[in-house]
Amino acid sequence: MEKVLKEGPWFWGIAGLFVTPWFPGFDATNTVVTMILVWVRLPNLPLHFWHHVMQDIGNMLGKLKKKVDLDRTSKCFFTFPRIYVEIDLSKGISDHVLLKHDNF
């Protein structure tokens, strides 16, 4: 149970699955989900930022859970990094992050 709750995300085919502990009185038809875990793609992040600002970006979007998971769709090259972030839907979702750095 702990592995299922702490790891993931989980999928059934291409559909994502939301996994949460059961509790007495649980009613799936009336349950409102406000916290979700998502993989966030960072396709335009310059390579020199990949290991330096990942935590900052994750925490700007929500709460960072995993620092780096590189997209391995290409056999030879990493095309972009991803981060696993817990997002509070009641606060809204940011669709972009603006990075400013004096040295780059």
PDB file of N, CA and C in Angstrom:
ATOM      1  N   MET A   1       0.816  -1.180   0.000  1.00  0.00           N
ATOM      2  CA  MET A   1       0.000   0.000   0.000  1.00  0.00           C
ATOM      3  C   MET A   1       0.870   1.257   0.000  1.00  0.00           C
ATOM      4  N   GLU A   2       1.905   1.288   0.853  1.00  0.00           N
ATOM      5  CA  GLU A   2       2.779   2.461   0.917  1.00  0.00           C
ATOM      6  C   GLU A   2       3.445   2.732  -0.427  1.00  0.00           C
ATOM      7  N   LYS A   3       3.890   1.672  -1.093  1.00  0.00           N
ATOM      8  CA  LYS A   3       4.526   1.830  -2.403  1.00  0.00           C
ATOM      9  C   LYS A   3       3.558   2.447  -3.408  1.00  0.00           C
ATOM     10  N   VAL A   4       2.338   1.962  -3.430  1.00  0.00           N
ATOM     11  CA  VAL A   4       1.343   2.487  -4.369  1.00  0.00           C
ATOM     12  C   VAL A   4       1.038   3.952  -4.070  1.00  0.00           C
ATOM     13  N   LEU A   5       0.950   4.314  -2.805  1.00  0.00           N
ATOM     14  CA  LEU A   5       0.616   5.690  -2.440  1.00  0.00           C
ATOM     15  C   LEU A   5       1.779   6.662  -2.652  1.00  0.00           C
ATOM     16  N   LYS A   6       3.013   6.207  -2.475  1.00  0.00           N
ATOM     17  CA  LYS A   6       4.158   7.115  -2.528  1.00  0.00           C
ATOM     18  C   LYS A   6       4.832   7.181  -3.892  1.00  0.00           C
ATOM     19  N   GLU A   7       4.697   6.130  -4.685  1.00  0.00           N
ATOM     20  CA  GLU A   7       5.322   6.128  -5.997  1.00  0.00           C
ATOM     21  C   GLU A   7       4.289   6.506  -7.045  1.00  0.00           C
ATOM     22  N   GLY A   8       4.694   6.524  -8.264  1.00  0.00           N
ATOM     23  CA  GLY A   8       3.766   6.885  -9.324  1.00  0.00           C
ATOM     24  C   GLY A   8       4.353   8.009 -10.146  1.00  0.00           C
ATOM     25  N   PRO A   9       3.645   8.635 -11.001  1.00  0.00           N
ATOM     26  CA  PRO A   9       2.207   8.493 -11.227  1.00  0.00           C
ATOM     27  C   PRO A   9       1.852   7.137 -11.829  1.00  0.00           C
ATOM     28  N   TRP A  10       0.582   6.759 -11.693  1.00  0.00           N
ATOM     29  CA  TRP A  10       0.096   5.479 -12.169  1.00  0.00           C
ATOM     30  C   TRP A  10      -0.823   5.699 -13.367  1.00  0.00           C
ATOM     31  N   PHE A  11      -0.787   4.748 -14.288  1.00  0.00           N
ATOM     32  CA  PHE A  11      -1.597   4.858 -15.500  1.00  0.00           C
ATOM     33  C   PHE A  11      -2.288   3.545 -15.803  1.00  0.00           C
ATOM     34  N   TRP A  12      -3.456   3.642 -16.421  1.00  0.00           N
ATOM     35  CA  TRP A  12      -4.165   2.505 -16.991  1.00  0.00           C
ATOM     36  C   TRP A  12      -4.236   2.802 -18.475  1.00  0.00           C
ATOM     37  N   GLY A  13      -3.317   2.192 -19.231  1.00  0.00           N
ATOM     38  CA  GLY A  13      -3.163   2.571 -20.636  1.00  0.00           C
ATOM     39  C   GLY A  13      -2.585   3.985 -20.688  1.00  0.00           C
ATOM     40  N   ILE A  14      -3.301   4.908 -21.326  1.00  0.00           N
ATOM     41  CA  ILE A  14      -2.840   6.300 -21.358  1.00  0.00           C
ATOM     42  C   ILE A  14      -3.562   7.178 -20.336  1.00  0.00           C
ATOM     43  N   ALA A  15      -4.535   6.604 -19.625  1.00  0.00           N
ATOM     44  CA  ALA A  15      -5.298   7.370 -18.639  1.00  0.00           C
ATOM     45  C   ALA A  15      -4.575   7.376 -17.291  1.00  0.00           C
ATOM     46  N   GLY A  16      -4.434   8.544 -16.710  1.00  0.00           N
ATOM     47  CA  GLY A  16      -3.828   8.656 -15.389  1.00  0.00           C
ATOM     48  C   GLY A  16      -4.786   8.195 -14.303  1.00  0.00           C
ATOM     49  N   LEU A  17      -4.239   7.611 -13.249  1.00  0.00           N
ATOM     50  CA  LEU A  17      -5.047   7.143 -12.126  1.00  0.00           C
ATOM     51  C   LEU A  17      -4.769   7.991 -10.894  1.00  0.00           C
ATOM     52  N   PHE A  18      -5.802   8.375 -10.189  1.00  0.00           N
ATOM     53  CA  PHE A  18      -5.684   9.082  -8.926  1.00  0.00           C
ATOM     54  C   PHE A  18      -5.801   8.048  -7.820  1.00  0.00           C
ATOM     55  N   VAL A  19      -4.789   7.952  -6.964  1.00  0.00           N
ATOM     56  CA  VAL A  19      -4.767   6.948  -5.898  1.00  0.00           C
ATOM     57  C   VAL A  19      -4.718   7.670  -4.561  1.00  0.00           C
ATOM     58  N   THR A  20      -5.632   7.299  -3.672  1.00  0.00           N
ATOM     59  CA  THR A  20      -5.693   7.898  -2.337  1.00  0.00           C
ATOM     60  C   THR A  20      -6.155   6.830  -1.349  1.00  0.00           C
ATOM     61  N   PRO A  21      -5.781   6.950  -0.080  1.00  0.00           N
ATOM     62  CA  PRO A  21      -6.242   5.955   0.895  1.00  0.00           C
ATOM     63  C   PRO A  21      -7.763   5.997   1.070  1.00  0.00           C
ATOM     64  N   TRP A  22      -8.347   4.838   1.268  1.00  0.00           N
ATOM     65  CA  TRP A  22      -9.763   4.754   1.564  1.00  0.00           C
ATOM     66  C   TRP A  22      -9.994   5.199   3.006  1.00  0.00           C
ATOM     67  N   PHE A  23     -11.152   5.757   3.271  1.00  0.00           N
ATOM     68  CA  PHE A  23     -11.535   6.104   4.646  1.00  0.00           C
ATOM     69  C   PHE A  23     -13.026   5.851   4.810  1.00  0.00           C
ATOM     70  N   PRO A  24     -13.494   5.590   6.048  1.00  0.00           N
ATOM     71  CA  PRO A  24     -14.913   5.340   6.270  1.00  0.00           C
ATOM     72  C   PRO A  24     -15.753   6.517   5.762  1.00  0.00           C
ATOM     73  N   GLY A  25     -16.813   6.208   5.083  1.00  0.00           N
ATOM     74  CA  GLY A  25     -17.690   7.253   4.554  1.00  0.00           C
ATOM     75  C   GLY A  25     -17.248   7.786   3.195  1.00  0.00           C
ATOM     76  N   PHE A  26     -16.199   7.197   2.598  1.00  0.00           N
ATOM     77  CA  PHE A  26     -15.715   7.659   1.298  1.00  0.00           C
ATOM     78  C   PHE A  26     -16.798   7.505   0.248  1.00  0.00           C
ATOM     79  N   ASP A  27     -17.015   8.560  -0.519  1.00  0.00           N
ATOM     80  CA  ASP A  27     -17.992   8.545  -1.600  1.00  0.00           C
ATOM     81  C   ASP A  27     -17.341   9.182  -2.820  1.00  0.00           C
ATOM     82  N   ALA A  28     -16.983   8.357  -3.793  1.00  0.00           N
ATOM     83  CA  ALA A  28     -16.263   8.849  -4.968  1.00  0.00           C
ATOM     84  C   ALA A  28     -17.068   9.870  -5.762  1.00  0.00           C
ATOM     85  N   THR A  29     -18.388   9.805  -5.691  1.00  0.00           N
ATOM     86  CA  THR A  29     -19.205  10.745  -6.460  1.00  0.00           C
ATOM     87  C   THR A  29     -19.200  12.148  -5.859  1.00  0.00           C
ATOM     88  N   ASN A  30     -18.849  12.273  -4.571  1.00  0.00           N
ATOM     89  CA  ASN A  30     -18.855  13.586  -3.917  1.00  0.00           C
ATOM     90  C   ASN A  30     -17.470  14.063  -3.493  1.00  0.00           C
ATOM     91  N   THR A  31     -16.440  13.278  -3.782  1.00  0.00           N
ATOM     92  CA  THR A  31     -15.087  13.644  -3.375  1.00  0.00           C
ATOM     93  C   THR A  31     -14.516  14.691  -4.333  1.00  0.00           C
ATOM     94  N   VAL A  32     -13.980  15.765  -3.776  1.00  0.00           N
ATOM     95  CA  VAL A  32     -13.364  16.817  -4.574  1.00  0.00           C
ATOM     96  C   VAL A  32     -11.853  16.702  -4.412  1.00  0.00           C
ATOM     97  N   VAL A  33     -11.150  16.547  -5.526  1.00  0.00           N
ATOM     98  CA  VAL A  33      -9.699  16.423  -5.507  1.00  0.00           C
ATOM     99  C   VAL A  33      -9.095  17.812  -5.655  1.00  0.00           C
ATOM    100  N   THR A  34      -8.267  18.211  -4.689  1.00  0.00           N
ATOM    101  CA  THR A  34      -7.611  19.521  -4.783  1.00  0.00           C
ATOM    102  C   THR A  34      -6.102  19.400  -4.889  1.00  0.00           C
ATOM    103  N   MET A  35      -5.533  18.284  -4.452  1.00  0.00           N
ATOM    104  CA  MET A  35      -4.091  18.080  -4.538  1.00  0.00           C
ATOM    105  C   MET A  35      -3.815  16.959  -5.533  1.00  0.00           C
ATOM    106  N   ILE A  36      -2.940  17.244  -6.527  1.00  0.00           N
ATOM    107  CA  ILE A  36      -2.575  16.225  -7.504  1.00  0.00           C
ATOM    108  C   ILE A  36      -1.061  16.210  -7.681  1.00  0.00           C
ATOM    109  N   LEU A  37      -0.541  15.071  -8.117  1.00  0.00           N
ATOM    110  CA  LEU A  37       0.871  14.922  -8.448  1.00  0.00           C
ATOM    111  C   LEU A  37       0.980  14.846  -9.964  1.00  0.00           C
ATOM    112  N   VAL A  38       1.823  15.687 -10.534  1.00  0.00           N
ATOM    113  CA  VAL A  38       1.959  15.724 -11.992  1.00  0.00           C
ATOM    114  C   VAL A  38       3.425  15.808 -12.390  1.00  0.00           C
ATOM    115  N   TRP A  39       3.733  15.258 -13.574  1.00  0.00           N
ATOM    116  CA  TRP A  39       5.033  15.462 -14.182  1.00  0.00           C
ATOM    117  C   TRP A  39       4.942  16.769 -14.959  1.00  0.00           C
ATOM    118  N   VAL A  40       5.890  17.657 -14.749  1.00  0.00           N
ATOM    119  CA  VAL A  40       5.935  18.939 -15.450  1.00  0.00           C
ATOM    120  C   VAL A  40       7.108  18.908 -16.416  1.00  0.00           C
ATOM    121  N   ARG A  41       6.829  19.110 -17.684  1.00  0.00           N
ATOM    122  CA  ARG A  41       7.877  19.162 -18.701  1.00  0.00           C
ATOM    123  C   ARG A  41       8.484  20.557 -18.729  1.00  0.00           C
ATOM    124  N   LEU A  42       9.779  20.601 -18.909  1.00  0.00           N
ATOM    125  CA  LEU A  42      10.492  21.880 -19.008  1.00  0.00           C
ATOM    126  C   LEU A  42      11.251  21.896 -20.345  1.00  0.00           C
ATOM    127  N   PRO A  43      10.504  21.955 -21.468  1.00  0.00           N
ATOM    128  CA  PRO A  43      11.129  21.769 -22.775  1.00  0.00           C
ATOM    129  C   PRO A  43      12.068  22.879 -23.220  1.00  0.00           C
ATOM    130  N   ASN A  44      11.934  24.091 -22.726  1.00  0.00           N
ATOM    131  CA  ASN A  44      12.794  25.191 -23.169  1.00  0.00           C
ATOM    132  C   ASN A  44      13.803  25.619 -22.121  1.00  0.00           C
ATOM    133  N   LEU A  45      14.006  24.779 -21.112  1.00  0.00           N
ATOM    134  CA  LEU A  45      14.955  25.107 -20.060  1.00  0.00           C
ATOM    135  C   LEU A  45      16.377  24.912 -20.582  1.00  0.00           C
ATOM    136  N   PRO A  46      17.192  25.979 -20.571  1.00  0.00           N
ATOM    137  CA  PRO A  46      18.574  25.839 -21.047  1.00  0.00           C
ATOM    138  C   PRO A  46      19.326  24.768 -20.260  1.00  0.00           C
ATOM    139  N   LEU A  47      20.180  24.052 -20.946  1.00  0.00           N
ATOM    140  CA  LEU A  47      20.910  22.926 -20.360  1.00  0.00           C
ATOM    141  C   LEU A  47      21.662  23.308 -19.093  1.00  0.00           C
ATOM    142  N   HIS A  48      22.248  24.508 -19.042  1.00  0.00           N
ATOM    143  CA  HIS A  48      23.028  24.901 -17.862  1.00  0.00           C
ATOM    144  C   HIS A  48      22.147  25.141 -16.630  1.00  0.00           C
ATOM    145  N   PHE A  49      20.812  25.153 -16.781  1.00  0.00           N
ATOM    146  CA  PHE A  49      19.907  25.293 -15.642  1.00  0.00           C
ATOM    147  C   PHE A  49      19.384  23.951 -15.135  1.00  0.00           C
ATOM    148  N   TRP A  50      19.599  22.875 -15.898  1.00  0.00           N
ATOM    149  CA  TRP A  50      18.946  21.604 -15.596  1.00  0.00           C
ATOM    150  C   TRP A  50      19.147  21.144 -14.159  1.00  0.00           C
ATOM    151  N   HIS A  51      20.321  21.303 -13.581  1.00  0.00           N
ATOM    152  CA  HIS A  51      20.555  20.779 -12.231  1.00  0.00           C
ATOM    153  C   HIS A  51      20.664  21.882 -11.184  1.00  0.00           C
ATOM    154  N   HIS A  52      20.408  23.119 -11.564  1.00  0.00           N
ATOM    155  CA  HIS A  52      20.588  24.215 -10.615  1.00  0.00           C
ATOM    156  C   HIS A  52      19.287  24.858 -10.150  1.00  0.00           C
ATOM    157  N   VAL A  53      18.269  24.865 -10.981  1.00  0.00           N
ATOM    158  CA  VAL A  53      17.042  25.573 -10.605  1.00  0.00           C
ATOM    159  C   VAL A  53      15.811  24.672 -10.570  1.00  0.00           C
ATOM    160  N   MET A  54      16.001  23.365 -10.724  1.00  0.00           N
ATOM    161  CA  MET A  54      14.865  22.451 -10.759  1.00  0.00           C
ATOM    162  C   MET A  54      14.013  22.528  -9.489  1.00  0.00           C
ATOM    163  N   GLN A  55      14.663  22.560  -8.339  1.00  0.00           N
ATOM    164  CA  GLN A  55      13.930  22.624  -7.080  1.00  0.00           C
ATOM    165  C   GLN A  55      13.170  23.942  -6.967  1.00  0.00           C
ATOM    166  N   ASP A  56      13.801  25.040  -7.367  1.00  0.00           N
ATOM    167  CA  ASP A  56      13.133  26.339  -7.309  1.00  0.00           C
ATOM    168  C   ASP A  56      11.897  26.372  -8.205  1.00  0.00           C
ATOM    169  N   ILE A  57      12.028  25.847  -9.419  1.00  0.00           N
ATOM    170  CA  ILE A  57      10.887  25.828 -10.342  1.00  0.00           C
ATOM    171  C   ILE A  57       9.771  24.960  -9.778  1.00  0.00           C
ATOM    172  N   GLY A  58      10.121  23.773  -9.287  1.00  0.00           N
ATOM    173  CA  GLY A  58       9.119  22.880  -8.712  1.00  0.00           C
ATOM    174  C   GLY A  58       8.368  23.520  -7.559  1.00  0.00           C
ATOM    175  N   ASN A  59       9.085  24.206  -6.691  1.00  0.00           N
ATOM    176  CA  ASN A  59       8.446  24.838  -5.540  1.00  0.00           C
ATOM    177  C   ASN A  59       7.678  26.104  -5.910  1.00  0.00           C
ATOM    178  N   MET A  60       7.979  26.701  -7.051  1.00  0.00           N
ATOM    179  CA  MET A  60       7.169  27.817  -7.538  1.00  0.00           C
ATOM    180  C   MET A  60       5.815  27.317  -8.027  1.00  0.00           C
ATOM    181  N   LEU A  61       5.798  26.117  -8.590  1.00  0.00           N
ATOM    182  CA  LEU A  61       4.561  25.545  -9.117  1.00  0.00           C
ATOM    183  C   LEU A  61       3.736  24.852  -8.051  1.00  0.00           C
ATOM    184  N   GLY A  62       4.386  24.333  -7.038  1.00  0.00           N
ATOM    185  CA  GLY A  62       3.716  23.579  -5.975  1.00  0.00           C
ATOM    186  C   GLY A  62       4.757  23.102  -4.995  1.00  0.00           C
ATOM    187  N   LYS A  63       4.759  21.794  -4.729  1.00  0.00           N
ATOM    188  CA  LYS A  63       5.756  21.205  -3.843  1.00  0.00           C
ATOM    189  C   LYS A  63       6.511  20.133  -4.623  1.00  0.00           C
ATOM    190  N   LEU A  64       7.812  20.336  -4.816  1.00  0.00           N
ATOM    191  CA  LEU A  64       8.633  19.411  -5.574  1.00  0.00           C
ATOM    192  C   LEU A  64       8.701  18.064  -4.866  1.00  0.00           C
ATOM    193  N   LYS A  65       8.455  16.976  -5.613  1.00  0.00           N
ATOM    194  CA  LYS A  65       8.531  15.626  -5.059  1.00  0.00           C
ATOM    195  C   LYS A  65       9.756  14.872  -5.569  1.00  0.00           C
ATOM    196  N   LYS A  66      10.072  15.000  -6.862  1.00  0.00           N
ATOM    197  CA  LYS A  66      11.266  14.388  -7.452  1.00  0.00           C
ATOM    198  C   LYS A  66      11.982  15.470  -8.220  1.00  0.00           C
ATOM    199  N   LYS A  67      13.276  15.550  -8.006  1.00  0.00           N
ATOM    200  CA  LYS A  67      14.036  16.649  -8.594  1.00  0.00           C
ATOM    201  C   LYS A  67      14.171  16.556 -10.103  1.00  0.00           C
ATOM    202  N   VAL A  68      14.607  15.438 -10.628  1.00  0.00           N
ATOM    203  CA  VAL A  68      14.846  15.365 -12.068  1.00  0.00           C
ATOM    204  C   VAL A  68      14.493  13.985 -12.591  1.00  0.00           C
ATOM    205  N   ASP A  69      13.760  13.957 -13.668  1.00  0.00           N
ATOM    206  CA  ASP A  69      13.573  12.742 -14.447  1.00  0.00           C
ATOM    207  C   ASP A  69      13.727  13.176 -15.883  1.00  0.00           C
ATOM    208  N   LEU A  70      14.756  12.712 -16.548  1.00  0.00           N
ATOM    209  CA  LEU A  70      15.012  13.137 -17.918  1.00  0.00           C
ATOM    210  C   LEU A  70      14.169  12.334 -18.890  1.00  0.00           C
ATOM    211  N   ASP A  71      13.620  13.023 -19.872  1.00  0.00           N
ATOM    212  CA  ASP A  71      12.837  12.364 -20.909  1.00  0.00           C
ATOM    213  C   ASP A  71      13.766  11.483 -21.735  1.00  0.00           C
ATOM    214  N   ARG A  72      13.434  10.220 -21.831  1.00  0.00           N
ATOM    215  CA  ARG A  72      14.309   9.294 -22.541  1.00  0.00           C
ATOM    216  C   ARG A  72      13.655   8.767 -23.812  1.00  0.00           C
ATOM    217  N   THR A  73      12.852   9.596 -24.478  1.00  0.00           N
ATOM    218  CA  THR A  73      12.208   9.140 -25.701  1.00  0.00           C
ATOM    219  C   THR A  73      13.215   8.964 -26.819  1.00  0.00           C
ATOM    220  N   SER A  74      14.302   9.705 -26.762  1.00  0.00           N
ATOM    221  CA  SER A  74      15.372   9.544 -27.737  1.00  0.00           C
ATOM    222  C   SER A  74      16.412   8.601 -27.144  1.00  0.00           C
ATOM    223  N   LYS A  75      16.935   7.681 -27.938  1.00  0.00           N
ATOM    224  CA  LYS A  75      17.897   6.720 -27.426  1.00  0.00           C
ATOM    225  C   LYS A  75      19.261   7.336 -27.145  1.00  0.00           C
ATOM    226  N   CYS A  76      19.567   8.455 -27.773  1.00  0.00           N
ATOM    227  CA  CYS A  76      20.907   9.026 -27.639  1.00  0.00           C
ATOM    228  C   CYS A  76      20.941  10.342 -26.864  1.00  0.00           C
ATOM    229  N   PHE A  77      19.855  11.082 -26.891  1.00  0.00           N
ATOM    230  CA  PHE A  77      19.881  12.428 -26.322  1.00  0.00           C
ATOM    231  C   PHE A  77      18.738  12.630 -25.338  1.00  0.00           C
ATOM    232  N   PHE A  78      19.009  13.391 -24.311  1.00  0.00           N
ATOM    233  CA  PHE A  78      17.951  13.811 -23.410  1.00  0.00           C
ATOM    234  C   PHE A  78      17.357  15.083 -23.996  1.00  0.00           C
ATOM    235  N   THR A  79      16.067  15.064 -24.305  1.00  0.00           N
ATOM    236  CA  THR A  79      15.463  16.193 -24.992  1.00  0.00           C
ATOM    237  C   THR A  79      15.013  17.299 -24.036  1.00  0.00           C
ATOM    238  N   PHE A  80      14.547  16.930 -22.851  1.00  0.00           N
ATOM    239  CA  PHE A  80      14.174  17.931 -21.852  1.00  0.00           C
ATOM    240  C   PHE A  80      14.025  17.255 -20.495  1.00  0.00           C
ATOM    241  N   PRO A  81      14.209  18.034 -19.418  1.00  0.00           N
ATOM    242  CA  PRO A  81      14.007  17.471 -18.076  1.00  0.00           C
ATOM    243  C   PRO A  81      12.540  17.569 -17.670  1.00  0.00           C
ATOM    244  N   ARG A  82      12.162  16.760 -16.688  1.00  0.00           N
ATOM    245  CA  ARG A  82      10.829  16.824 -16.095  1.00  0.00           C
ATOM    246  C   ARG A  82      10.985  16.809 -14.588  1.00  0.00           C
ATOM    247  N   ILE A  83      10.025  17.400 -13.905  1.00  0.00           N
ATOM    248  CA  ILE A  83       9.990  17.352 -12.449  1.00  0.00           C
ATOM    249  C   ILE A  83       8.610  16.856 -12.023  1.00  0.00           C
ATOM    250  N   TYR A  84       8.568  16.208 -10.874  1.00  0.00           N
ATOM    251  CA  TYR A  84       7.336  15.648 -10.323  1.00  0.00           C
ATOM    252  C   TYR A  84       6.899  16.575  -9.193  1.00  0.00           C
ATOM    253  N   VAL A  85       5.744  17.193  -9.354  1.00  0.00           N
ATOM    254  CA  VAL A  85       5.313  18.255  -8.454  1.00  0.00           C
ATOM    255  C   VAL A  85       3.906  17.977  -7.924  1.00  0.00           C
ATOM    256  N   GLU A  86       3.731  18.231  -6.624  1.00  0.00           N
ATOM    257  CA  GLU A  86       2.400  18.181  -6.023  1.00  0.00           C
ATOM    258  C   GLU A  86       1.790  19.579  -6.162  1.00  0.00           C
ATOM    259  N   ILE A  87       0.637  19.659  -6.807  1.00  0.00           N
ATOM    260  CA  ILE A  87       0.011  20.946  -7.092  1.00  0.00           C
ATOM    261  C   ILE A  87      -1.327  21.039  -6.372  1.00  0.00           C
ATOM    262  N   ASP A  88      -1.564  22.187  -5.751  1.00  0.00           N
ATOM    263  CA  ASP A  88      -2.833  22.476  -5.098  1.00  0.00           C
ATOM    264  C   ASP A  88      -3.743  23.151  -6.125  1.00  0.00           C
ATOM    265  N   LEU A  89      -4.729  22.410  -6.623  1.00  0.00           N
ATOM    266  CA  LEU A  89      -5.610  22.922  -7.661  1.00  0.00           C
ATOM    267  C   LEU A  89      -6.446  24.112  -7.197  1.00  0.00           C
ATOM    268  N   SER A  90      -6.677  24.232  -5.900  1.00  0.00           N
ATOM    269  CA  SER A  90      -7.474  25.356  -5.398  1.00  0.00           C
ATOM    270  C   SER A  90      -6.734  26.686  -5.554  1.00  0.00           C
ATOM    271  N   LYS A  91      -5.401  26.634  -5.759  1.00  0.00           N
ATOM    272  CA  LYS A  91      -4.604  27.851  -5.952  1.00  0.00           C
ATOM    273  C   LYS A  91      -4.407  28.188  -7.430  1.00  0.00           C
ATOM    274  N   GLY A  92      -4.884  27.327  -8.317  1.00  0.00           N
ATOM    275  CA  GLY A  92      -4.702  27.541  -9.748  1.00  0.00           C
ATOM    276  C   GLY A  92      -3.409  26.921 -10.229  1.00  0.00           C
ATOM    277  N   ILE A  93      -3.257  26.874 -11.553  1.00  0.00           N
ATOM    278  CA  ILE A  93      -2.094  26.246 -12.162  1.00  0.00           C
ATOM    279  C   ILE A  93      -1.376  27.275 -13.021  1.00  0.00           C
ATOM    280  N   SER A  94      -0.087  27.408 -12.805  1.00  0.00           N
ATOM    281  CA  SER A  94       0.727  28.305 -13.613  1.00  0.00           C
ATOM    282  C   SER A  94       1.091  27.614 -14.912  1.00  0.00           C
ATOM    283  N   ASP A  95       0.973  28.330 -16.031  1.00  0.00           N
ATOM    284  CA  ASP A  95       1.313  27.719 -17.311  1.00  0.00           C
ATOM    285  C   ASP A  95       2.714  28.082 -17.786  1.00  0.00           C
ATOM    286  N   HIS A  96       3.409  28.922 -17.031  1.00  0.00           N
ATOM    287  CA  HIS A  96       4.787  29.262 -17.390  1.00  0.00           C
ATOM    288  C   HIS A  96       5.527  29.815 -16.174  1.00  0.00           C
ATOM    289  N   VAL A  97       6.841  29.758 -16.260  1.00  0.00           N
ATOM    290  CA  VAL A  97       7.718  30.302 -15.226  1.00  0.00           C
ATOM    291  C   VAL A  97       8.767  31.139 -15.933  1.00  0.00           C
ATOM    292  N   LEU A  98       8.980  32.366 -15.480  1.00  0.00           N
ATOM    293  CA  LEU A  98       9.979  33.248 -16.062  1.00  0.00           C
ATOM    294  C   LEU A  98      11.230  33.184 -15.201  1.00  0.00           C
ATOM    295  N   LEU A  99      12.350  32.802 -15.828  1.00  0.00           N
ATOM    296  CA  LEU A  99      13.627  32.718 -15.114  1.00  0.00           C
ATOM    297  C   LEU A  99      14.495  33.905 -15.481  1.00  0.00           C
ATOM    298  N   LYS A 100      15.093  34.502 -14.471  1.00  0.00           N
ATOM    299  CA  LYS A 100      16.068  35.574 -14.694  1.00  0.00           C
ATOM    300  C   LYS A 100      17.314  35.215 -13.913  1.00  0.00           C
ATOM    301  N   HIS A 101      18.460  35.305 -14.562  1.00  0.00           N
ATOM    302  CA  HIS A 101      19.711  34.981 -13.898  1.00  0.00           C
ATOM    303  C   HIS A 101      20.771  35.938 -14.392  1.00  0.00           C
ATOM    304  N   ASP A 102      21.513  36.558 -13.493  1.00  0.00           N
ATOM    305  CA  ASP A 102      22.486  37.572 -13.853  1.00  0.00           C
ATOM    306  C   ASP A 102      23.657  37.042 -14.681  1.00  0.00           C
ATOM    307  N   ASN A 103      24.036  35.801 -14.479  1.00  0.00           N
ATOM    308  CA  ASN A 103      25.225  35.252 -15.136  1.00  0.00           C
ATOM    309  C   ASN A 103      24.965  34.628 -16.501  1.00  0.00           C
ATOM    310  N   PHE A 104      23.700  34.541 -16.926  1.00  0.00           N
ATOM    311  CA  PHE A 104      23.408  33.861 -18.202  1.00  0.00           C
ATOM    312  C   PHE A 104      22.579  34.737 -19.108  1.00  0.00           C
TER     313      PHE A 104
END
